[in-house]
Amino acid sequence: MKSNVLVVIGVGGIGMAIAKREGAGKIVLLSDINEQNLTKAAQELIDTGYVVEKQLVDVSSLESVEALVSKATSLGNVLQVVNTAGLSPNMASTEKILEVDLVGTVYILEEFGKVIAEGGAGIHISSMAGYMIPAFGAEIDTALSTTPASELTKLPVLQPENIANTTYAYCISKRANQLRVQAESLKWGERGARVNSISPGIILTALAKHELESPIGDGYRAMISASAAKRVGTVDEVATLAHYLLNQDAGFTTGSDFLMDGGVIAAMKLGKISL
């Protein structure tokens, strides 16, 4: 009997919280672009009783993603896939954000969609940033949903003259993530599997701390203050939602995005926050 495999891409706070919540009784395949972080994360799980394999991955490289898929299938039934990989606006150039947050997401969805086990499920971690920009309209939405990964960055909406800065590159990438998950859910469904996305707000991770201490930190604090929750979220709260979506209680739920932002977007739409 084959083992069930949980693939977690990105070993930051959210990825590790989900790995701990879902990984018992499965082979946990951890992957990340940073070898030091990956080794430390794998050892942390091993030391607390999990069965762990690891592999370096660069999600912006199709060959690297294909190698990760090959590793996962060699271990057993690929039952759950969680992609948390991404770059924030203060971490990289516009071009790199589009490569990782947008194209990389498509590679993961497409390649794991070819091997996901019947009854399996996937989650992509998007962001509330996908809700912060105006609607594009049906034509652009369709293009972002269906254009092959190799052609995505050639779309007019993604050309440099249409992307003012890295923040907008991040927002459009996250909007595209939500659209792409919806489209890919039909292909995953052909294998009897589901895929959804979660769009967290400000979750207290190392990345969030970096943002709070950056030049845009005041904006983050303004969002927290104006939100209904008036606090940051925790990785365990994201893992709780992920647990529901990855298991059969959510058997009728696929192609959906779940905004969990403490009410930031609601405050923004009502004019309580201005960007």
Protein backbone atom coordinates (compact mmCIF):
# COMPACT_ATOMS: atom_id res chain seq x y z
CA MET A 1 0.00 0.00 0.00
CA LYS A 2 1.39 3.36 -1.03
CA SER A 3 1.98 6.09 1.52
CA ASN A 4 0.07 9.35 1.26
CA VAL A 5 2.22 12.39 0.58
CA LEU A 6 1.75 15.98 1.76
CA VAL A 7 3.79 18.44 -0.32
CA VAL A 8 4.52 21.79 1.30
CA ILE A 9 6.23 24.41 -0.87
CA GLY A 10 7.75 27.20 1.20
CA VAL A 11 8.85 26.54 4.80
CA GLY A 12 7.90 29.89 6.30
CA GLY A 13 5.46 30.31 9.16
CA ILE A 14 2.30 29.40 7.24
CA GLY A 15 3.84 26.45 5.43
CA MET A 16 5.20 24.96 8.62
CA ALA A 17 1.96 25.48 10.54
CA ILE A 18 0.06 23.58 7.84
CA ALA A 19 2.73 20.86 7.70
CA LYS A 20 2.40 20.27 11.44
CA ARG A 21 -1.40 20.27 11.26
CA GLU A 22 -1.68 17.89 8.29
CA GLY A 23 1.50 15.86 8.25
CA ALA A 24 0.90 13.18 10.88
CA GLY A 25 0.65 9.74 9.29
CA LYS A 26 1.87 10.99 5.91
CA ILE A 27 5.21 11.51 4.23
CA VAL A 28 5.80 15.26 4.37
CA LEU A 29 7.77 16.51 1.38
CA LEU A 30 9.12 19.93 2.28
CA SER A 31 10.52 22.18 -0.43
CA ASP A 32 12.00 25.65 -0.52
CA ILE A 33 14.51 27.70 -2.48
CA ASN A 34 16.68 28.30 0.60
CA GLU A 35 18.68 25.21 1.56
CA GLN A 36 19.50 26.39 5.07
CA ASN A 37 15.87 27.15 5.91
CA LEU A 38 14.74 23.89 4.34
CA THR A 39 17.20 21.79 6.33
CA LYS A 40 16.24 23.50 9.59
CA ALA A 41 12.51 23.08 8.93
CA ALA A 42 12.87 19.42 8.01
CA GLN A 43 14.84 18.68 11.17
CA GLU A 44 12.25 20.48 13.29
CA LEU A 45 9.53 18.17 11.98
CA ILE A 46 11.69 15.04 12.21
CA ASP A 47 12.51 15.84 15.84
CA THR A 48 8.80 15.91 16.67
CA GLY A 49 7.88 12.60 15.03
CA TYR A 50 7.06 13.39 11.41
CA VAL A 51 8.31 11.42 8.42
CA VAL A 52 10.00 14.01 6.22
CA GLU A 53 11.66 14.25 2.83
CA LYS A 54 13.01 17.47 1.39
CA GLN A 55 13.92 18.97 -1.96
CA LEU A 56 15.12 22.35 -3.13
CA VAL A 57 12.80 24.06 -5.58
CA ASP A 58 12.66 27.28 -7.55
CA VAL A 59 8.99 27.65 -8.45
CA SER A 60 9.84 30.10 -11.25
CA SER A 61 11.65 27.26 -13.07
CA LEU A 62 9.47 24.68 -14.81
CA GLU A 63 12.30 22.14 -14.72
CA SER A 64 12.66 22.60 -10.97
CA VAL A 65 8.93 22.18 -10.41
CA GLU A 66 8.89 19.07 -12.60
CA ALA A 67 11.71 17.60 -10.51
CA LEU A 68 9.69 18.28 -7.34
CA VAL A 69 6.65 16.57 -8.83
CA SER A 70 8.80 13.57 -9.78
CA LYS A 71 10.14 13.35 -6.24
CA ALA A 72 6.63 13.58 -4.78
CA THR A 73 5.24 10.80 -6.98
CA SER A 74 8.20 8.55 -6.15
CA LEU A 75 7.19 8.72 -2.48
CA GLY A 76 3.56 7.65 -2.83
CA ASN A 77 0.10 9.08 -3.49
CA VAL A 78 0.28 12.85 -3.78
CA LEU A 79 -2.75 13.55 -1.60
CA GLN A 80 -2.25 17.16 -0.53
CA VAL A 81 -0.29 20.03 -2.05
CA VAL A 82 0.23 23.36 -0.30
CA ASN A 83 2.01 26.21 -2.07
CA THR A 84 3.09 29.12 0.11
CA ALA A 85 6.02 30.31 -2.04
CA GLY A 86 6.06 34.00 -2.84
CA LEU A 87 7.91 37.30 -2.76
CA SER A 88 6.62 40.50 -1.16
CA PRO A 89 6.84 43.98 -2.75
CA ASN A 90 9.90 44.84 -0.65
CA MET A 91 11.80 41.67 -1.46
CA ALA A 92 12.32 41.75 -5.22
CA SER A 93 11.93 43.54 -8.52
CA THR A 94 8.69 43.70 -10.48
CA GLU A 95 10.03 41.12 -12.93
CA LYS A 96 10.98 38.66 -10.19
CA ILE A 97 7.65 39.05 -8.39
CA LEU A 98 5.82 38.19 -11.61
CA GLU A 99 8.12 35.21 -12.19
CA VAL A 100 7.65 33.74 -8.71
CA ASP A 101 4.22 34.88 -7.52
CA LEU A 102 2.42 34.61 -10.85
CA VAL A 103 4.21 32.24 -13.26
CA GLY A 104 5.52 30.02 -10.46
CA THR A 105 2.00 29.55 -9.15
CA VAL A 106 0.82 28.41 -12.57
CA TYR A 107 3.65 25.89 -12.82
CA ILE A 108 2.67 24.40 -9.45
CA LEU A 109 -1.03 24.25 -10.27
CA GLU A 110 -0.49 22.73 -13.70
CA GLU A 111 2.20 20.20 -12.87
CA PHE A 112 0.71 18.90 -9.62
CA GLY A 113 -2.70 18.89 -11.28
CA LYS A 114 -1.34 16.13 -13.52
CA VAL A 115 -0.49 13.81 -10.61
CA ILE A 116 -2.77 14.70 -7.68
CA ALA A 117 -4.44 11.61 -6.25
CA GLU A 118 -8.16 10.96 -6.47
CA GLY A 119 -9.72 12.50 -3.38
CA GLY A 120 -6.76 14.82 -3.03
CA ALA A 121 -6.71 18.56 -2.53
CA GLY A 122 -4.46 21.56 -3.03
CA ILE A 123 -4.18 25.00 -1.51
CA HIS A 124 -2.42 28.04 -2.85
CA ILE A 125 -1.66 30.85 -0.41
CA SER A 126 -2.53 34.08 -2.21
CA SER A 127 -3.09 37.42 -0.42
CA MET A 128 -5.70 40.03 0.39
CA ALA A 129 -3.65 42.21 -1.99
CA GLY A 130 -5.55 40.53 -4.82
CA TYR A 131 -8.64 42.41 -3.64
CA MET A 132 -6.95 45.81 -3.51
CA ILE A 133 -7.02 46.66 -7.20
CA PRO A 134 -10.01 47.42 -9.45
CA ALA A 135 -11.65 44.68 -11.48
CA PHE A 136 -10.04 44.07 -14.87
CA GLY A 137 -13.07 42.90 -16.82
CA ALA A 138 -13.87 39.59 -18.46
CA GLU A 139 -11.28 39.73 -21.26
CA ILE A 140 -8.28 40.28 -18.99
CA ASP A 141 -9.62 37.86 -16.37
CA THR A 142 -9.87 35.15 -19.03
CA ALA A 143 -6.36 35.86 -20.27
CA LEU A 144 -4.90 35.65 -16.77
CA SER A 145 -6.89 32.46 -16.13
CA THR A 146 -5.98 30.53 -19.26
CA THR A 147 -2.83 31.86 -20.95
CA PRO A 148 -0.03 29.24 -20.92
CA ALA A 149 2.59 29.92 -18.27
CA SER A 150 5.31 30.53 -20.88
CA GLU A 151 3.19 33.28 -22.46
CA LEU A 152 1.80 34.95 -19.34
CA THR A 153 4.33 37.74 -18.96
CA LYS A 154 3.73 38.76 -22.59
CA LEU A 155 0.16 39.81 -21.82
CA PRO A 156 -0.41 43.58 -22.31
CA VAL A 157 -1.68 43.99 -18.74
CA LEU A 158 1.68 42.73 -17.43
CA GLN A 159 3.93 44.98 -19.50
CA PRO A 160 6.23 47.41 -17.63
CA GLU A 161 4.30 50.49 -18.75
CA ASN A 162 1.19 49.07 -17.07
CA ILE A 163 2.84 48.10 -13.77
CA ALA A 164 3.83 51.20 -11.83
CA ASN A 165 5.77 49.51 -9.02
CA THR A 166 6.43 46.28 -7.16
CA THR A 167 3.33 46.71 -5.01
CA TYR A 168 1.09 46.67 -8.07
CA ALA A 169 3.02 43.70 -9.46
CA TYR A 170 2.28 41.88 -6.21
CA CYS A 171 -1.42 42.82 -6.25
CA ILE A 172 -1.94 41.74 -9.85
CA SER A 173 -0.06 38.48 -9.23
CA LYS A 174 -2.33 37.66 -6.31
CA ARG A 175 -5.46 38.53 -8.28
CA ALA A 176 -4.20 36.25 -11.04
CA ASN A 177 -3.58 33.48 -8.48
CA GLN A 178 -7.25 33.56 -7.48
CA LEU A 179 -8.39 33.47 -11.11
CA ARG A 180 -5.97 30.69 -11.99
CA VAL A 181 -7.03 28.48 -9.09
CA GLN A 182 -10.61 28.81 -10.26
CA ALA A 183 -9.70 27.78 -13.80
CA GLU A 184 -7.37 24.95 -12.79
CA SER A 185 -9.99 23.50 -10.43
CA LEU A 186 -11.76 22.09 -13.50
CA LYS A 187 -8.64 20.16 -14.52
CA TRP A 188 -8.03 18.95 -10.97
CA GLY A 189 -11.66 17.86 -10.91
CA GLU A 190 -11.03 15.52 -13.83
CA ARG A 191 -8.77 13.57 -11.46
CA GLY A 192 -11.34 13.64 -8.64
CA ALA A 193 -9.37 16.29 -6.75
CA ARG A 194 -9.98 19.83 -5.54
CA VAL A 195 -7.95 23.04 -5.32
CA ASN A 196 -8.66 26.33 -3.57
CA SER A 197 -6.78 29.42 -2.48
CA ILE A 198 -6.55 31.34 0.78
CA SER A 199 -5.96 35.09 0.75
CA PRO A 200 -4.61 36.03 4.18
CA GLY A 201 -4.31 39.55 5.48
CA ILE A 202 -1.50 40.51 7.83
CA ILE A 203 -0.38 37.25 9.44
CA LEU A 204 2.44 37.53 11.96
CA THR A 205 5.29 35.71 10.22
CA ALA A 206 8.93 36.60 9.64
CA LEU A 207 7.85 38.13 6.32
CA ALA A 208 5.18 40.26 8.00
CA LYS A 209 7.70 41.46 10.58
CA HIS A 210 9.99 42.46 7.71
CA GLU A 211 7.16 44.44 6.12
CA LEU A 212 6.14 46.09 9.40
CA GLU A 213 9.71 47.28 9.88
CA SER A 214 10.00 48.50 6.29
CA PRO A 215 9.01 51.89 4.79
CA ILE A 216 5.47 50.57 4.27
CA GLY A 217 5.10 49.56 7.92
CA ASP A 218 2.94 52.57 8.75
CA GLY A 219 0.49 51.47 6.06
CA TYR A 220 0.28 48.03 7.60
CA ARG A 221 -0.39 49.50 11.03
CA ALA A 222 -3.12 51.72 9.56
CA MET A 223 -4.79 48.67 8.05
CA ILE A 224 -4.70 46.82 11.36
CA SER A 225 -6.14 49.82 13.21
CA ALA A 226 -9.01 50.30 10.72
CA SER A 227 -9.92 46.61 10.46
CA ALA A 228 -12.75 44.93 12.33
CA ALA A 229 -10.39 42.54 14.14
CA LYS A 230 -7.84 45.26 15.03
CA ARG A 231 -5.06 42.71 15.25
CA VAL A 232 -2.79 40.60 13.12
CA GLY A 233 -3.68 37.00 12.32
CA THR A 234 -1.73 33.92 13.30
CA VAL A 235 -0.32 31.08 11.25
CA ASP A 236 -2.41 28.63 13.28
CA GLU A 237 -5.59 30.40 12.12
CA VAL A 238 -4.50 29.95 8.51
CA ALA A 239 -3.67 26.30 9.20
CA THR A 240 -7.15 25.77 10.66
CA LEU A 241 -8.79 27.00 7.45
CA ALA A 242 -6.32 24.98 5.39
CA HIS A 243 -7.23 21.86 7.38
CA TYR A 244 -10.88 22.27 6.41
CA LEU A 245 -10.09 22.85 2.74
CA LEU A 246 -7.66 19.94 2.48
CA ASN A 247 -10.04 17.37 3.90
CA GLN A 248 -13.36 15.82 2.95
CA ASP A 249 -15.53 18.15 5.03
CA ALA A 250 -14.86 20.55 2.14
CA GLY A 251 -15.67 17.97 -0.53
CA PHE A 252 -18.03 20.35 -2.36
CA THR A 253 -15.59 23.27 -2.23
CA THR A 254 -13.22 23.86 -5.14
CA GLY A 255 -12.05 26.73 -7.31
CA SER A 256 -12.73 29.19 -4.50
CA ASP A 257 -10.70 31.88 -2.77
CA PHE A 258 -11.08 32.46 0.96
CA LEU A 259 -10.33 35.98 2.17
CA MET A 260 -9.20 35.95 5.81
CA ASP A 261 -7.98 39.45 6.56
CA GLY A 262 -9.64 40.52 9.81
CA GLY A 263 -11.81 42.93 7.85
CA VAL A 264 -9.12 45.01 6.14
CA ILE A 265 -10.67 44.82 2.67
CA ALA A 266 -14.10 45.69 4.08
CA ALA A 267 -12.63 48.80 5.71
CA MET A 268 -10.86 49.69 2.49
CA LYS A 269 -14.03 49.39 0.40
CA LEU A 270 -15.89 51.62 2.86
CA GLY A 271 -13.22 54.29 2.70
CA LYS A 272 -11.78 53.69 6.18
CA ILE A 273 -8.34 53.06 4.66
CA SER A 274 -6.76 54.82 1.70
CA LEU A 275 -3.78 53.35 -0.09
